[in-house]
Amino acid sequence: MAKITYIKDGENSKSQLTIDGVQVDSSNYGIDSNIHAIQWNGSKGTIEYNDGKNNKEITDISSFDFETKHATEKKSIEDANAKAEADRIANITYADKREQEYPRIEDQLDKIYHSGIAGWKTTIKAVKDKYPKE
C-alpha cells in the first residue's frame, strides 16, 4: 500500500497530494471540502477535518481511490511521453541522423591531414551509406 499525504490549504482552497513521495495533481480526486488533511502510512491513517469535527483514525483508504486514479494518471502520462518520443524519432530526417554521426569538423580535418582526402571520404561515405537520402 502507498504512503499518501493530502493537505488542503484553507486560505485559497488549493491542495497538495503526494503519493509515495511523488507530487500528484489533486484536482481529479474530489475530496470533500470539510477535509483538511489525510495521512496514510500504507496500512492505517488519519483524516483531519476543518469544520470542528474530530479527527478520524482509518484502516481503509480505498473509498478515496487514490492508487487507482494515480496509476491511471501515471499510465496516461507515460503513454503521452512515449507517443511524443515516437513522433520525435519519426520526424528525424536522414540529414539529422547524418549530422549526429559525422565526426566533428576538427576530427574531419585531422583525418584529411593524416589519411588524405581518400581516407576522409571513406569515413564520410560510411555515414552516408548508413543514412541514405530518403
Protein backbone atom coordinates (compact mmCIF):
# COMPACT_ATOMS: atom_id res chain seq x y z
CA MET A 1 0.00 0.00 0.00
CA ALA A 2 1.10 3.50 -0.76
CA LYS A 3 2.11 6.27 1.58
CA ILE A 4 -0.28 9.15 0.92
CA THR A 5 -0.43 12.73 2.18
CA TYR A 6 -3.23 15.08 1.23
CA ILE A 7 -3.33 18.63 2.63
CA LYS A 8 -5.78 21.38 1.68
CA ASP A 9 -4.73 24.99 2.23
CA GLY A 10 -7.69 26.62 3.92
CA GLU A 11 -6.94 30.12 2.66
CA ASN A 12 -7.05 29.52 -1.09
CA SER A 13 -8.65 26.05 -1.20
CA LYS A 14 -5.67 24.62 -3.08
CA SER A 15 -4.47 21.21 -2.08
CA GLN A 16 -1.32 19.14 -2.24
CA LEU A 17 -1.34 15.41 -2.79
CA THR A 18 1.73 13.23 -2.51
CA ILE A 19 1.65 9.50 -3.26
CA ASP A 20 4.81 7.57 -2.41
CA GLY A 21 6.82 10.79 -2.48
CA VAL A 22 5.51 11.91 -5.89
CA GLN A 23 3.57 15.19 -6.12
CA VAL A 24 0.26 14.48 -7.88
CA ASP A 25 -2.39 16.75 -9.39
CA SER A 26 -5.06 16.67 -6.70
CA SER A 27 -7.86 18.21 -8.78
CA ASN A 28 -9.07 14.81 -10.02
CA TYR A 29 -9.72 13.28 -6.61
CA GLY A 30 -12.85 15.09 -5.40
CA ILE A 31 -12.01 15.21 -1.69
CA ASP A 32 -14.85 16.53 0.49
CA SER A 33 -14.50 20.22 1.27
CA ASN A 34 -14.63 19.61 5.04
CA ILE A 35 -11.45 17.50 4.94
CA HIS A 36 -8.26 19.41 5.71
CA ALA A 37 -5.77 16.52 5.56
CA ILE A 38 -5.42 12.80 5.01
CA GLN A 39 -2.33 10.97 6.21
CA TRP A 40 -1.93 7.32 5.17
CA ASN A 41 1.14 5.21 6.00
CA GLY A 42 0.32 2.13 3.96
CA SER A 43 -1.93 0.31 6.43
CA LYS A 44 -3.61 2.97 8.57
CA GLY A 45 -4.06 6.70 8.71
CA THR A 46 -5.91 9.76 9.90
CA ILE A 47 -8.43 12.14 8.38
CA GLU A 48 -8.32 15.68 9.76
CA TYR A 49 -11.36 17.88 9.33
CA ASN A 50 -11.60 21.67 9.03
CA ASP A 51 -15.16 22.02 10.30
CA GLY A 52 -14.62 21.22 14.00
CA LYS A 53 -15.29 17.50 13.56
CA ASN A 54 -12.90 15.22 15.49
CA ASN A 55 -10.06 13.59 13.57
CA LYS A 56 -10.84 10.08 12.40
CA GLU A 57 -8.46 7.11 12.50
CA ILE A 58 -8.86 4.94 9.39
CA THR A 59 -7.73 1.45 8.40
CA ASP A 60 -9.10 1.56 4.87
CA ILE A 61 -8.45 4.28 2.30
CA SER A 62 -9.97 2.55 -0.73
CA SER A 63 -13.04 4.83 -0.77
CA PHE A 64 -10.79 7.69 -1.95
CA ASP A 65 -9.45 5.55 -4.83
CA PHE A 66 -6.05 7.30 -4.70
CA GLU A 67 -3.99 4.40 -6.01
CA THR A 68 -6.23 3.50 -8.97
CA LYS A 69 -6.58 7.12 -10.11
CA HIS A 70 -2.86 7.73 -9.62
CA ALA A 71 -1.95 4.61 -11.61
CA THR A 72 -4.31 5.70 -14.39
CA GLU A 73 -2.84 9.22 -14.46
CA LYS A 74 0.71 7.87 -14.39
CA LYS A 75 -0.03 5.48 -17.28
CA SER A 76 -1.63 8.32 -19.25
CA ILE A 77 1.46 10.49 -18.76
CA GLU A 78 3.80 7.63 -19.70
CA ASP A 79 1.75 6.90 -22.84
CA ALA A 80 1.81 10.57 -23.85
CA ASN A 81 5.58 10.72 -23.32
CA ALA A 82 6.10 7.53 -25.33
CA LYS A 83 3.99 8.90 -28.19
CA ALA A 84 5.90 12.19 -28.13
CA GLU A 85 9.21 10.31 -28.29
CA ALA A 86 7.94 8.09 -31.13
CA ASP A 87 6.79 11.19 -33.02
CA ARG A 88 10.15 12.86 -32.42
CA ILE A 89 12.02 9.83 -33.74
CA ALA A 90 9.68 9.51 -36.73
CA ASN A 91 10.38 13.13 -37.65
CA ILE A 92 14.16 12.81 -37.59
CA THR A 93 15.38 13.16 -41.16
CA TYR A 94 18.33 11.37 -42.75
CA ALA A 95 20.16 14.72 -42.62
CA ASP A 96 19.60 14.96 -38.85
CA LYS A 97 20.88 11.41 -38.39
CA ARG A 98 23.94 12.09 -40.52
CA GLU A 99 24.67 15.32 -38.68
CA GLN A 100 24.66 13.49 -35.35
CA GLU A 101 27.03 10.81 -36.60
CA TYR A 102 29.52 12.76 -38.68
CA PRO A 103 32.80 13.38 -36.88
CA ARG A 104 33.42 16.88 -35.56
CA ILE A 105 34.93 19.25 -38.14
CA GLU A 106 38.21 19.26 -36.20
CA ASP A 107 38.35 15.46 -36.42
CA GLN A 108 37.50 15.53 -40.12
CA LEU A 109 40.35 17.97 -40.79
CA ASP A 110 42.68 15.78 -38.76
CA LYS A 111 41.55 12.76 -40.83
CA ILE A 112 42.36 14.66 -44.05
CA TYR A 113 45.79 15.61 -42.70
CA HIS A 114 46.69 12.06 -41.63
CA SER A 115 44.82 9.95 -44.21
CA GLY A 116 44.28 12.32 -47.12
CA ILE A 117 41.05 13.09 -48.90
CA ALA A 118 40.54 9.39 -49.75
CA GLY A 119 40.60 8.42 -46.04
CA TRP A 120 38.23 11.25 -45.15
CA LYS A 121 35.84 10.23 -47.96
CA THR A 122 35.77 6.67 -46.61
CA THR A 123 34.70 7.93 -43.18
CA ILE A 124 32.03 10.25 -44.59
CA LYS A 125 30.76 7.62 -47.07
CA ALA A 126 30.14 5.15 -44.24
CA VAL A 127 27.76 7.64 -42.62
CA LYS A 128 26.10 8.49 -45.94
CA ASP A 129 25.60 4.80 -46.70
CA LYS A 130 24.17 4.18 -43.23
CA TYR A 131 21.64 7.02 -43.68
CA PRO A 132 20.87 7.31 -47.42
CA LYS A 133 18.80 10.17 -48.79
CA GLU A 134 15.12 9.41 -48.49
